[in-house]
Protein backbone atom coordinates (compact mmCIF):
# COMPACT_ATOMS: atom_id res chain seq x y z
CA MET A 1 157.17 164.44 104.38
CA GLY A 2 155.82 165.28 107.80
CA MET A 3 156.48 167.17 111.01
CA MET A 4 159.68 167.12 113.10
CA SER A 5 160.08 169.14 116.27
CA GLY A 6 157.00 171.09 115.24
CA LYS A 7 158.40 172.03 111.83
CA PRO A 8 157.36 170.75 108.37
CA VAL A 9 160.17 168.65 106.91
CA VAL A 10 161.11 166.50 103.95
CA VAL A 11 163.41 163.64 104.95
CA MET A 12 165.43 161.30 102.74
CA GLN A 13 166.15 157.71 103.74
CA GLY A 14 169.69 157.36 102.49
CA ARG A 15 171.06 159.04 99.37
CA PHE A 16 172.56 158.35 95.96
CA HIS A 17 176.37 158.05 95.70
CA TYR A 18 178.77 158.69 92.84
CA TYR A 19 180.44 155.32 93.48
CA GLU A 20 177.12 153.59 92.81
CA GLY A 21 177.28 154.82 89.21
CA TYR A 22 175.04 157.89 89.47
CA GLU A 23 176.03 161.15 87.83
CA PRO A 24 176.38 164.26 90.03
CA GLN A 25 173.19 165.74 88.55
CA GLU A 26 171.30 162.58 89.53
CA ILE A 27 172.81 162.54 93.03
CA THR A 28 171.63 166.09 93.66
CA HIS A 29 168.22 165.94 91.97
CA PRO A 30 166.46 165.33 95.33
CA VAL A 31 167.85 168.66 96.57
CA ARG A 32 166.22 170.39 93.60
CA VAL A 33 162.94 168.61 94.35
CA MET A 34 163.03 169.61 98.01
CA LYS A 35 163.75 173.22 97.05
CA GLU A 36 160.65 173.19 94.82
CA LEU A 37 158.67 171.74 97.71
CA GLY A 38 159.56 174.82 99.73
CA ILE A 39 162.54 174.07 101.99
CA ASP A 40 164.96 176.86 102.88
CA THR A 41 167.44 174.86 104.97
CA LEU A 42 169.19 171.58 104.14
CA ILE A 43 170.65 169.41 106.91
CA LEU A 44 173.07 166.76 105.65
CA SER A 45 174.68 163.87 107.48
CA ASN A 46 177.23 161.25 106.52
CA ALA A 47 179.58 158.59 107.80
CA ALA A 48 183.20 159.67 107.49
CA GLY A 49 186.73 158.69 108.22
CA GLY A 50 188.49 160.81 110.82
CA LEU A 51 191.84 162.39 109.91
CA ASN A 52 192.33 164.76 112.83
CA PRO A 53 194.24 162.95 115.62
CA GLU A 54 192.11 164.78 118.20
CA PHE A 55 189.04 162.90 116.93
CA LYS A 56 188.01 159.35 117.70
CA ALA A 57 185.60 156.85 116.20
CA GLY A 58 182.07 157.54 117.40
CA ASP A 59 182.48 161.32 117.52
CA ILE A 60 180.06 163.67 115.79
CA ALA A 61 181.59 166.54 113.80
CA VAL A 62 179.89 169.58 112.32
CA ILE A 63 181.27 170.36 108.86
CA THR A 64 182.81 173.82 108.58
CA ASP A 65 184.04 173.63 104.97
CA HIS A 66 184.83 171.11 102.25
CA ILE A 67 187.37 170.09 99.63
CA ASN A 68 186.18 168.55 96.35
CA LEU A 69 188.79 166.04 95.19
CA THR A 70 186.65 164.16 92.67
CA GLY A 71 186.97 166.37 89.61
CA GLN A 72 183.16 166.23 89.42
CA ASN A 73 180.65 169.05 89.76
CA PRO A 74 176.84 168.79 89.63
CA LEU A 75 176.65 172.27 88.05
CA ARG A 76 178.67 171.31 84.98
CA GLY A 77 176.83 172.00 81.73
CA PRO A 78 174.30 174.66 80.72
CA ASN A 79 173.07 176.74 83.65
CA ASP A 80 169.38 177.29 84.29
CA GLU A 81 169.19 180.82 85.68
CA THR A 82 165.82 180.05 87.24
CA LEU A 83 167.60 177.57 89.54
CA GLY A 84 170.64 179.64 90.43
CA PRO A 85 173.57 181.72 89.12
CA ARG A 86 176.17 180.46 86.67
CA PHE A 87 179.02 180.95 89.13
CA PRO A 88 177.66 180.50 92.67
CA ASP A 89 179.88 181.66 95.51
CA MET A 90 180.86 178.98 98.03
CA PHE A 91 181.73 181.52 100.73
CA GLU A 92 180.52 180.11 104.06
CA CYS A 93 178.80 177.26 102.25
CA TYR A 94 178.07 175.69 105.64
CA ASP A 95 176.01 178.33 107.43
CA PRO A 96 177.94 179.85 110.41
CA LYS A 97 174.73 180.66 112.32
CA LEU A 98 173.53 177.08 112.00
CA ILE A 99 176.95 175.81 113.11
CA LYS A 100 176.74 178.02 116.22
CA LEU A 101 173.24 176.72 116.88
CA ALA A 102 174.49 173.13 116.64
CA GLU A 103 177.34 174.00 119.03
CA ALA A 104 174.90 175.46 121.55
CA VAL A 105 172.60 172.45 121.36
CA ALA A 106 175.49 170.00 121.78
CA ALA A 107 176.77 171.93 124.80
CA GLU A 108 173.34 171.91 126.43
CA GLN A 109 173.09 168.15 125.89
CA ASN A 110 176.65 167.56 127.20
CA LEU A 111 177.66 166.12 123.84
CA ILE A 112 181.09 166.60 122.30
CA LEU A 113 180.78 168.20 118.86
CA ARG A 114 183.94 168.27 116.76
CA HIS A 115 184.55 170.71 113.90
CA GLY A 116 186.14 169.79 110.63
CA VAL A 117 186.80 170.26 106.93
CA TYR A 118 185.31 167.41 104.88
CA ALA A 119 187.06 166.02 101.79
CA TRP A 120 184.91 164.40 99.09
CA VAL A 121 186.47 161.44 97.28
CA THR A 122 184.78 159.13 94.78
CA GLY A 123 185.21 155.77 96.53
CA PRO A 124 184.17 153.03 96.81
CA ASN A 125 187.57 151.91 98.10
CA LEU A 126 188.90 153.38 101.32
CA GLU A 127 192.07 155.41 101.24
CA THR A 128 195.69 154.27 101.39
CA ALA A 129 197.96 155.45 104.18
CA ALA A 130 199.64 157.84 101.73
CA GLU A 131 196.26 159.25 100.70
CA TYR A 132 195.23 159.78 104.33
CA ARG A 133 198.52 161.61 104.89
CA TYR A 134 197.93 163.78 101.81
CA LEU A 135 194.38 164.62 102.89
CA ARG A 136 195.59 165.74 106.29
CA ILE A 137 198.36 167.88 104.75
CA ILE A 138 195.89 169.76 102.53
CA GLY A 139 193.66 170.58 105.49
CA ALA A 140 191.00 167.87 105.71
CA ASP A 141 189.76 166.61 109.07
CA LEU A 142 187.18 164.21 107.59
CA VAL A 143 186.94 162.15 104.43
CA GLY A 144 183.93 160.57 102.77
CA MET A 145 182.09 159.78 99.57
CA SER A 146 179.09 162.12 99.67
CA THR A 147 177.65 165.45 100.89
CA VAL A 148 179.71 167.88 98.78
CA PRO A 149 177.61 167.65 95.59
CA GLU A 150 174.41 168.17 97.58
CA THR A 151 175.98 171.17 99.30
CA ILE A 152 177.05 172.71 95.98
CA VAL A 153 173.56 172.39 94.53
CA ALA A 154 171.93 173.61 97.74
CA ARG A 155 174.05 176.75 97.73
CA HIS A 156 173.37 177.23 94.00
CA ALA A 157 169.67 177.13 94.92
CA GLY A 158 170.08 179.62 97.76
CA LEU A 159 169.52 177.13 100.58
CA ARG A 160 171.22 177.29 103.96
CA VAL A 161 173.29 174.18 104.69
CA LEU A 162 174.25 172.44 107.91
CA GLY A 163 176.34 169.27 107.68
CA PHE A 164 177.33 166.59 110.18
CA SER A 165 179.73 163.66 109.99
CA VAL A 166 179.58 160.57 112.15
CA ILE A 167 183.21 159.47 112.45
CA THR A 168 183.10 155.71 112.02
CA ASP A 169 186.82 154.96 111.70
CA MET A 170 190.15 156.76 111.91
CA GLY A 171 192.59 157.34 109.07
CA ILE A 172 195.78 158.12 110.97
CA PRO A 173 198.57 156.75 108.71
CA GLU A 174 200.92 155.77 111.55
CA GLN A 175 198.13 153.90 113.38
CA LEU A 176 196.26 152.46 110.41
CA GLN A 177 194.46 149.15 110.86
CA PRO A 178 192.31 147.11 108.46
CA VAL A 179 188.74 148.45 108.47
CA ASP A 180 186.18 145.97 109.72
CA LEU A 181 182.74 146.77 108.23
CA ALA A 182 180.90 145.25 111.18
CA THR A 183 182.77 147.56 113.55
CA VAL A 184 182.05 150.59 111.35
CA LEU A 185 178.32 149.78 111.37
CA ARG A 186 178.35 149.27 115.13
CA VAL A 187 180.07 152.60 115.73
CA ALA A 188 177.59 154.36 113.42
CA ASN A 189 174.62 152.83 115.19
CA GLU A 190 175.99 153.79 118.60
CA ALA A 191 176.58 157.40 117.48
CA GLU A 192 173.17 157.77 115.83
CA PRO A 193 171.25 158.77 118.99
CA LYS A 194 173.69 161.64 119.63
CA LEU A 195 173.23 163.00 116.12
CA THR A 196 169.46 162.54 116.33
CA THR A 197 169.35 164.53 119.56
CA ILE A 198 171.27 167.42 118.02
CA VAL A 199 169.28 167.49 114.77
CA LEU A 200 165.88 167.36 116.49
CA GLU A 201 166.74 170.30 118.71
CA VAL A 202 168.33 172.29 115.87
CA VAL A 203 165.21 171.83 113.73
CA LYS A 204 163.05 173.01 116.64
CA ARG A 205 165.03 176.27 116.87
CA ILE A 206 165.44 177.09 113.17
């Protein structure tokens, strides 16, 4: 907890993942805690595979929507009405005004900001060529193993959400190559300053 760009913030170092054995309610508990601490906006980031052939490894994408392919939902079970409604609407679950703000910031900084629909899969294995092809057919531009449960709970709690993906590798079936973890980490590290620049300026203007 501290100050960022002149605004009070709560920041997580990493997150919990479903593939690590945590249940969706455990994964999203930090969002509940941050809501109780007083936040009204949640900014999420992840590393993702790129499915859109216009993208390339190292790009930053702002998430415009998502597809939940896990069969899991952090809101399953009895609903606590003090936390949110039984059937929360996911209309514009990634806030359009925040997306426009991120676009403006990226343009000012001469940074390319892609747009994409993010598909949540359980992992921990990466996808097969057939799975990448399927994901693209159903409308996904990005694929990863996080972010969606936190977004669902954030919207249930009435928080605004802005999400970013760092594209660390490409999942184009016809051009698929074995994924080298060292390369993925290098690409993520190289892209980090671009994402940091955007997030710092967005926080300043919220």
